């Protein structure tokens, strides 16, 4: 059960001590926003944004649509020791070829530092989960046939489903994760007393007019209350022209007797096919976690997707 909890945390997740100098800032978090928007119309209000966030499927569909394209992914991973010194580095440049039968071609592959166990597996669960989801080690995300469409889901597929619940439908409970499953329900009547819900006007990538819907733990809560809230901040950006979701960032921090983690993740989208299709362009993660009798894990990664070419 502990392994399940660990994979969920790792898959969905900056530690305050880590404070890495970002060489590629997260656009979702650095959008220049106007003052909070105050609109009295029935259509644009906080509840509308909550409904959009909890019911939207286009964000997830953007990832599924990658199977229709060939594209190049650049992946950078850094692992750190307890003093936040770089311990290991991974760089992958991968061409995902979805023309005909799916093929994955490594264009560049560089490793350095302490990364692997004697049996060849990664030392850190963080890196193993990253490999599973984004480098396609198990051939699950980018191939055309959905291997998890039916039957019971076990192992990594089950962990990935929990990741999808948090990132693609935030606000819903995450089933099968003891101790924290209900703490993701940030829009429930009971949880609303702890959060501020605001929306802002701004521009994404300098040209796209957007709303940023921000859910953030209230500043005036006691330290004890704040420590019991897992999701500290959730930002979702919407294209004003069609209310499509173009990006999301989540900050989580929580600790108890079983585990302790502090993570931040950011996903950004872009328009392709002459503005007809939204696809992922950048994913970043920074964080650390700690459990009894296990080595504390500290890692960050940057994923860039480029050169999408429609194949189907």
Protein backbone atom coordinates (compact mmCIF):
# COMPACT_ATOMS: atom_id res chain seq x y z
CA UNK A 1 0.00 0.00 0.00
CA UNK A 2 2.88 2.37 0.77
CA UNK A 3 4.21 1.76 -2.73
CA UNK A 4 0.84 2.77 -4.19
CA UNK A 5 0.84 6.01 -2.17
CA UNK A 6 4.39 6.79 -3.25
CA UNK A 7 3.69 6.28 -6.93
CA UNK A 8 0.59 8.45 -6.73
CA UNK A 9 2.49 11.30 -5.07
CA UNK A 10 5.41 11.04 -7.45
CA UNK A 11 3.29 10.81 -10.54
CA UNK A 12 1.17 13.83 -9.63
CA UNK A 13 3.82 16.07 -8.33
CA UNK A 14 9.44 22.24 -5.18
CA UNK A 15 10.59 21.64 -2.21
CA UNK A 16 11.13 24.94 -0.37
CA UNK A 17 14.74 24.08 0.32
CA UNK A 18 15.43 23.04 -3.23
CA UNK A 19 14.83 26.41 -4.94
CA UNK A 20 16.37 25.52 -8.28
CA UNK A 21 17.20 28.28 -10.72
CA UNK A 22 14.74 27.74 -13.52
CA UNK A 23 16.26 27.85 -16.99
CA UNK A 24 12.84 27.58 -18.58
CA UNK A 25 10.17 29.35 -16.46
CA UNK A 26 6.66 27.98 -16.26
CA UNK A 27 4.47 30.13 -18.47
CA UNK A 28 1.31 29.37 -16.50
CA UNK A 29 2.92 30.75 -13.35
CA UNK A 30 4.57 33.79 -14.95
CA UNK A 31 1.63 35.21 -16.90
CA UNK A 32 1.27 38.91 -16.24
CA UNK A 33 -2.22 39.27 -14.79
CA UNK A 34 -4.50 42.27 -14.54
CA UNK A 35 -6.42 42.90 -11.34
CA UNK A 36 -8.89 40.27 -10.27
CA UNK A 37 -11.86 40.33 -12.59
CA UNK A 38 -15.21 41.38 -11.13
CA UNK A 39 -18.05 40.50 -13.50
CA UNK A 40 -21.64 40.44 -12.30
CA UNK A 41 -23.01 38.60 -15.33
CA UNK A 42 -24.44 35.15 -14.81
CA UNK A 43 -22.07 33.41 -17.22
CA UNK A 44 -18.66 34.51 -15.95
CA UNK A 45 -18.33 33.83 -12.23
CA UNK A 46 -16.47 31.57 -9.81
CA UNK A 47 -19.02 28.78 -10.00
CA UNK A 48 -18.76 28.73 -13.78
CA UNK A 49 -15.00 28.18 -13.53
CA UNK A 50 -15.47 25.46 -10.92
CA UNK A 51 -17.93 23.71 -13.22
CA UNK A 52 -15.52 24.00 -16.13
CA UNK A 53 -12.58 22.62 -14.15
CA UNK A 54 -14.49 19.65 -12.76
CA UNK A 55 -16.31 18.68 -15.94
CA UNK A 56 -13.79 19.50 -18.69
CA UNK A 57 -12.47 16.60 -20.77
CA UNK A 58 -10.55 18.54 -23.44
CA UNK A 59 -7.41 18.81 -21.29
CA UNK A 60 -7.14 15.03 -21.07
CA UNK A 61 -8.14 14.62 -24.71
CA UNK A 62 -5.18 16.82 -25.70
CA UNK A 63 -2.88 14.11 -24.34
CA UNK A 64 -4.81 11.33 -26.03
CA UNK A 65 -4.60 13.14 -29.37
CA UNK A 66 -0.81 12.86 -29.31
CA UNK A 67 -1.32 9.32 -30.62
CA UNK A 68 -2.44 10.87 -33.91
CA UNK A 69 0.85 12.74 -34.34
CA UNK A 70 4.52 12.17 -34.74
CA UNK A 71 6.57 14.52 -32.58
CA UNK A 72 9.92 15.06 -30.86
CA UNK A 73 10.22 15.13 -27.07
CA UNK A 74 13.18 16.57 -25.16
CA UNK A 75 13.34 15.31 -21.57
CA UNK A 76 15.70 16.55 -18.86
CA UNK A 77 15.84 15.04 -15.36
CA UNK A 78 17.93 16.09 -12.38
CA UNK A 79 18.21 14.24 -9.07
CA UNK A 80 19.64 15.80 -5.89
CA UNK A 81 21.24 14.75 -2.61
CA UNK A 82 20.21 16.00 0.84
CA UNK A 83 22.28 19.17 0.39
CA UNK A 84 20.52 19.87 -2.91
CA UNK A 85 23.62 19.15 -4.97
CA UNK A 86 23.00 17.55 -8.36
CA UNK A 87 23.46 13.82 -7.99
CA UNK A 88 22.32 12.54 -11.37
CA UNK A 89 21.35 13.85 -14.82
CA UNK A 90 19.32 12.30 -17.62
CA UNK A 91 18.80 13.77 -21.08
CA UNK A 92 16.65 12.16 -23.74
CA UNK A 93 15.67 13.41 -27.17
CA UNK A 94 13.05 11.02 -28.51
CA UNK A 95 11.18 10.92 -31.80
CA UNK A 96 7.72 9.40 -31.34
CA UNK A 97 6.79 8.11 -34.78
CA UNK A 98 3.06 7.39 -35.09
CA UNK A 99 3.10 6.85 -38.83
CA UNK A 100 1.95 3.27 -39.29
CA UNK A 101 3.04 1.04 -36.42
CA UNK A 102 4.26 3.16 -33.52
CA UNK A 103 8.04 3.48 -33.21
CA UNK A 104 10.17 5.29 -30.65
CA UNK A 105 13.60 6.49 -31.80
CA UNK A 106 16.25 7.87 -29.46
CA UNK A 107 17.94 10.87 -31.09
CA UNK A 108 20.08 11.56 -28.01
CA UNK A 109 20.58 9.66 -24.76
CA UNK A 110 22.94 10.90 -22.04
CA UNK A 111 23.21 9.78 -18.39
CA UNK A 112 25.59 10.90 -15.66
CA UNK A 113 25.87 10.52 -11.91
CA UNK A 114 24.09 8.12 -9.55
CA UNK A 115 20.93 6.95 -11.30
CA UNK A 116 20.70 3.16 -11.39
CA UNK A 117 20.73 0.22 -9.00
CA UNK A 118 22.91 -2.83 -9.58
CA UNK A 119 19.98 -4.58 -11.25
CA UNK A 120 19.72 -1.77 -13.81
CA UNK A 121 16.57 -0.20 -12.42
CA UNK A 122 16.38 3.46 -11.44
CA UNK A 123 17.33 4.27 -7.85
CA UNK A 124 14.43 6.67 -7.40
CA UNK A 125 10.71 5.94 -7.76
CA UNK A 126 10.39 9.52 -9.03
CA UNK A 127 12.50 8.76 -12.09
CA UNK A 128 10.85 5.38 -12.62
CA UNK A 129 7.40 6.99 -12.68
CA UNK A 130 8.65 9.76 -14.97
CA UNK A 131 10.04 7.14 -17.32
CA UNK A 132 6.76 5.26 -17.26
CA UNK A 133 4.54 8.23 -18.04
CA UNK A 134 6.66 10.45 -20.28
CA UNK A 135 9.45 8.36 -21.82
CA UNK A 136 7.10 5.51 -22.71
CA UNK A 137 9.13 2.71 -21.20
CA UNK A 138 5.98 0.59 -20.96
CA UNK A 139 4.54 1.62 -24.34
CA UNK A 140 1.32 2.93 -22.79
CA UNK A 141 0.80 6.61 -23.59
CA UNK A 142 1.71 7.27 -27.20
CA UNK A 143 0.69 4.05 -28.94
CA UNK A 144 -2.62 3.88 -30.79
CA UNK A 145 -4.06 0.88 -28.93
CA UNK A 146 -5.22 1.68 -25.41
CA UNK A 147 -4.07 -1.31 -23.42
CA UNK A 148 -6.08 -0.21 -20.37
CA UNK A 149 -9.43 0.13 -22.08
CA UNK A 150 -10.81 -2.92 -20.34
CA UNK A 151 -10.11 -5.26 -17.49
CA UNK A 152 -8.59 -4.60 -14.08
CA UNK A 153 -5.77 -2.13 -13.98
CA UNK A 154 -2.79 -3.12 -11.90
CA UNK A 155 0.61 -1.75 -11.01
CA UNK A 156 1.74 1.36 -12.81
CA UNK A 157 -1.45 1.67 -14.87
CA UNK A 158 -3.44 2.02 -11.64
CA UNK A 159 -1.06 4.67 -10.32
CA UNK A 160 -1.30 6.59 -13.58
CA UNK A 161 -5.09 6.60 -13.34
CA UNK A 162 -4.79 8.41 -10.01
CA UNK A 163 -2.47 10.94 -11.59
CA UNK A 164 -5.05 11.55 -14.32
CA UNK A 165 -7.78 12.14 -11.74
CA UNK A 166 -5.83 14.89 -10.03
CA UNK A 167 -4.46 16.65 -13.10
CA UNK A 168 -7.37 16.30 -15.50
CA UNK A 169 -10.34 16.44 -13.12
CA UNK A 170 -9.08 18.22 -10.00
CA UNK A 171 -11.55 18.54 -7.18
CA UNK A 172 -12.67 14.93 -7.31
CA UNK A 173 -11.66 12.35 -4.69
CA UNK A 174 -8.80 10.05 -5.67
CA UNK A 175 -10.02 6.55 -4.96
CA UNK A 176 -7.74 3.90 -3.56
CA UNK A 177 -5.25 6.28 -1.93
CA UNK A 178 -5.65 6.06 1.87
CA UNK A 179 -5.13 9.14 4.06
CA UNK A 180 -5.18 11.68 1.20
CA UNK A 181 -7.86 10.50 -1.23
CA UNK A 182 -10.50 12.98 0.02
CA UNK A 183 -8.08 15.88 0.48
CA UNK A 184 -8.21 16.58 -3.25
CA UNK A 185 -11.88 17.65 -3.05
CA UNK A 186 -11.08 21.36 -2.99
CA UNK A 187 -14.50 22.38 -4.33
CA UNK A 188 -16.63 20.49 -1.83
CA UNK A 189 -18.86 22.50 0.58
CA UNK A 190 -16.68 21.49 3.52
CA UNK A 191 -13.40 22.50 1.83
CA UNK A 192 -14.54 25.86 0.44
CA UNK A 193 -14.05 27.53 3.83
CA UNK A 194 -10.29 26.98 3.47
CA UNK A 195 -9.73 28.33 -0.05
CA UNK A 196 -9.96 31.58 -1.98
CA UNK A 197 -11.36 31.24 -5.50
CA UNK A 198 -10.45 34.10 -7.85
CA UNK A 199 -10.07 34.68 -11.57
CA UNK A 200 -7.90 37.11 -13.47
CA UNK A 201 -7.52 38.44 -17.00
CA UNK A 202 -4.21 38.18 -18.85
CA UNK A 203 -2.38 36.98 -21.98
CA UNK A 204 -0.88 33.57 -22.66
CA UNK A 205 2.27 33.47 -24.82
CA UNK A 206 1.79 37.26 -25.25
CA UNK A 207 -1.00 36.89 -27.81
CA UNK A 208 -3.82 34.69 -26.50
CA UNK A 209 -6.35 36.44 -24.22
CA UNK A 210 -7.02 34.23 -21.20
CA UNK A 211 -8.64 33.93 -17.81
CA UNK A 212 -6.58 32.43 -14.99
CA UNK A 213 -8.74 30.69 -12.39
CA UNK A 214 -6.83 30.40 -9.11
CA UNK A 215 -7.68 28.24 -6.12
CA UNK A 216 -5.39 29.05 -3.20
CA UNK A 217 -5.29 28.28 0.52
CA UNK A 218 -6.49 31.33 2.49
CA UNK A 219 -3.67 33.43 3.99
CA UNK A 220 -5.39 33.94 7.35
CA UNK A 221 -5.67 30.25 8.25
CA UNK A 222 -3.68 28.89 11.17
CA UNK A 223 -0.50 26.99 10.45
CA UNK A 224 -2.13 23.82 11.80
CA UNK A 225 -5.07 24.13 9.40
CA UNK A 226 -2.83 24.90 6.41
CA UNK A 227 -0.66 21.87 7.11
CA UNK A 228 -3.70 19.61 6.83
CA UNK A 229 -4.59 20.85 3.33
CA UNK A 230 -2.81 18.90 0.61
CA UNK A 231 -3.43 21.13 -2.43
CA UNK A 232 -2.00 24.57 -1.67
CA UNK A 233 -2.65 26.19 -5.04
CA UNK A 234 -4.22 25.23 -8.35
CA UNK A 235 -4.11 27.49 -11.41
CA UNK A 236 -6.00 26.77 -14.63
CA UNK A 237 -5.88 29.05 -17.68
CA UNK A 238 -8.73 29.33 -20.17
CA UNK A 239 -8.70 30.82 -23.66
CA UNK A 240 -11.25 33.67 -23.45
CA UNK A 241 -12.33 33.07 -27.03
CA UNK A 242 -13.57 29.50 -26.55
CA UNK A 243 -12.94 28.63 -22.85
CA UNK A 244 -10.53 25.85 -23.81
CA UNK A 245 -8.06 24.95 -21.07
CA UNK A 246 -4.51 25.85 -22.15
CA UNK A 247 -2.54 25.13 -19.01
CA UNK A 248 -2.57 24.05 -15.39
CA UNK A 249 -0.22 24.21 -12.41
CA UNK A 250 -0.63 22.51 -9.04
CA UNK A 251 1.31 22.95 -5.80
CA UNK A 252 0.97 20.28 -3.13
CA UNK A 253 2.48 19.94 0.32
CA UNK A 254 1.54 17.43 2.97
CA UNK A 255 3.04 15.33 5.71
CA UNK A 256 2.01 12.73 8.26
CA UNK A 257 3.54 9.73 10.02
CA UNK A 258 3.64 7.73 6.79
CA UNK A 259 5.11 10.18 4.27
CA UNK A 260 6.08 13.79 3.65
CA UNK A 261 6.09 15.52 0.27
CA UNK A 262 6.33 18.98 -1.27
CA UNK A 263 5.81 19.14 -5.03
CA UNK A 264 4.91 21.46 -7.88
CA UNK A 265 3.86 20.49 -11.41
CA UNK A 266 3.01 22.57 -14.46
CA UNK A 267 1.46 21.59 -17.82
CA UNK A 268 1.22 23.89 -20.85
CA UNK A 269 -0.59 23.50 -24.16
CA UNK A 270 -0.35 25.03 -27.62
CA UNK A 271 -2.51 25.33 -30.74
CA UNK A 272 -1.67 23.27 -33.83
CA UNK A 273 -3.33 22.43 -37.16
CA UNK A 274 -4.05 26.11 -37.83
CA UNK A 275 -5.56 26.56 -34.41
CA UNK A 276 -7.87 23.55 -34.62
CA UNK A 277 -6.08 21.27 -32.15
CA UNK A 278 -4.62 21.72 -28.66
CA UNK A 279 -1.60 19.57 -27.73
CA UNK A 280 0.86 19.48 -24.79
CA UNK A 281 4.03 21.53 -25.27
CA UNK A 282 5.72 21.68 -21.85
CA UNK A 283 5.56 19.79 -18.56
CA UNK A 284 7.68 20.61 -15.52
CA UNK A 285 8.03 19.04 -12.09
CA UNK A 286 10.03 19.89 -8.98
CA UNK A 287 9.77 18.22 -5.64
CA UNK A 288 10.84 15.95 -2.85
CA UNK A 289 9.25 13.22 -0.76
CA UNK A 290 10.28 11.23 2.25
CA UNK A 291 8.98 8.03 3.85
CA UNK A 292 10.33 5.93 6.74
CA UNK A 293 13.13 3.50 5.87
CA UNK A 294 13.50 4.93 2.36
CA UNK A 295 16.01 7.36 0.90
CA UNK A 296 14.59 10.88 0.60
CA UNK A 297 14.00 11.66 -3.06
CA UNK A 298 14.59 15.06 -4.64
CA UNK A 299 14.19 15.56 -8.36
CA UNK A 300 13.10 17.91 -11.12
CA UNK A 301 12.31 17.43 -14.76
CA UNK A 302 11.48 19.41 -17.87
CA UNK A 303 9.62 17.97 -20.87
CA UNK A 304 9.30 19.81 -24.19
CA UNK A 305 7.21 18.51 -27.11
CA UNK A 306 7.98 19.92 -30.55
CA UNK A 307 7.35 19.34 -34.24
CA UNK A 308 3.89 17.80 -34.14
CA UNK A 309 2.97 16.24 -37.49
CA UNK A 310 -0.54 14.87 -38.07
CA UNK A 311 -0.49 11.22 -39.14
CA UNK A 312 -4.14 10.16 -38.85
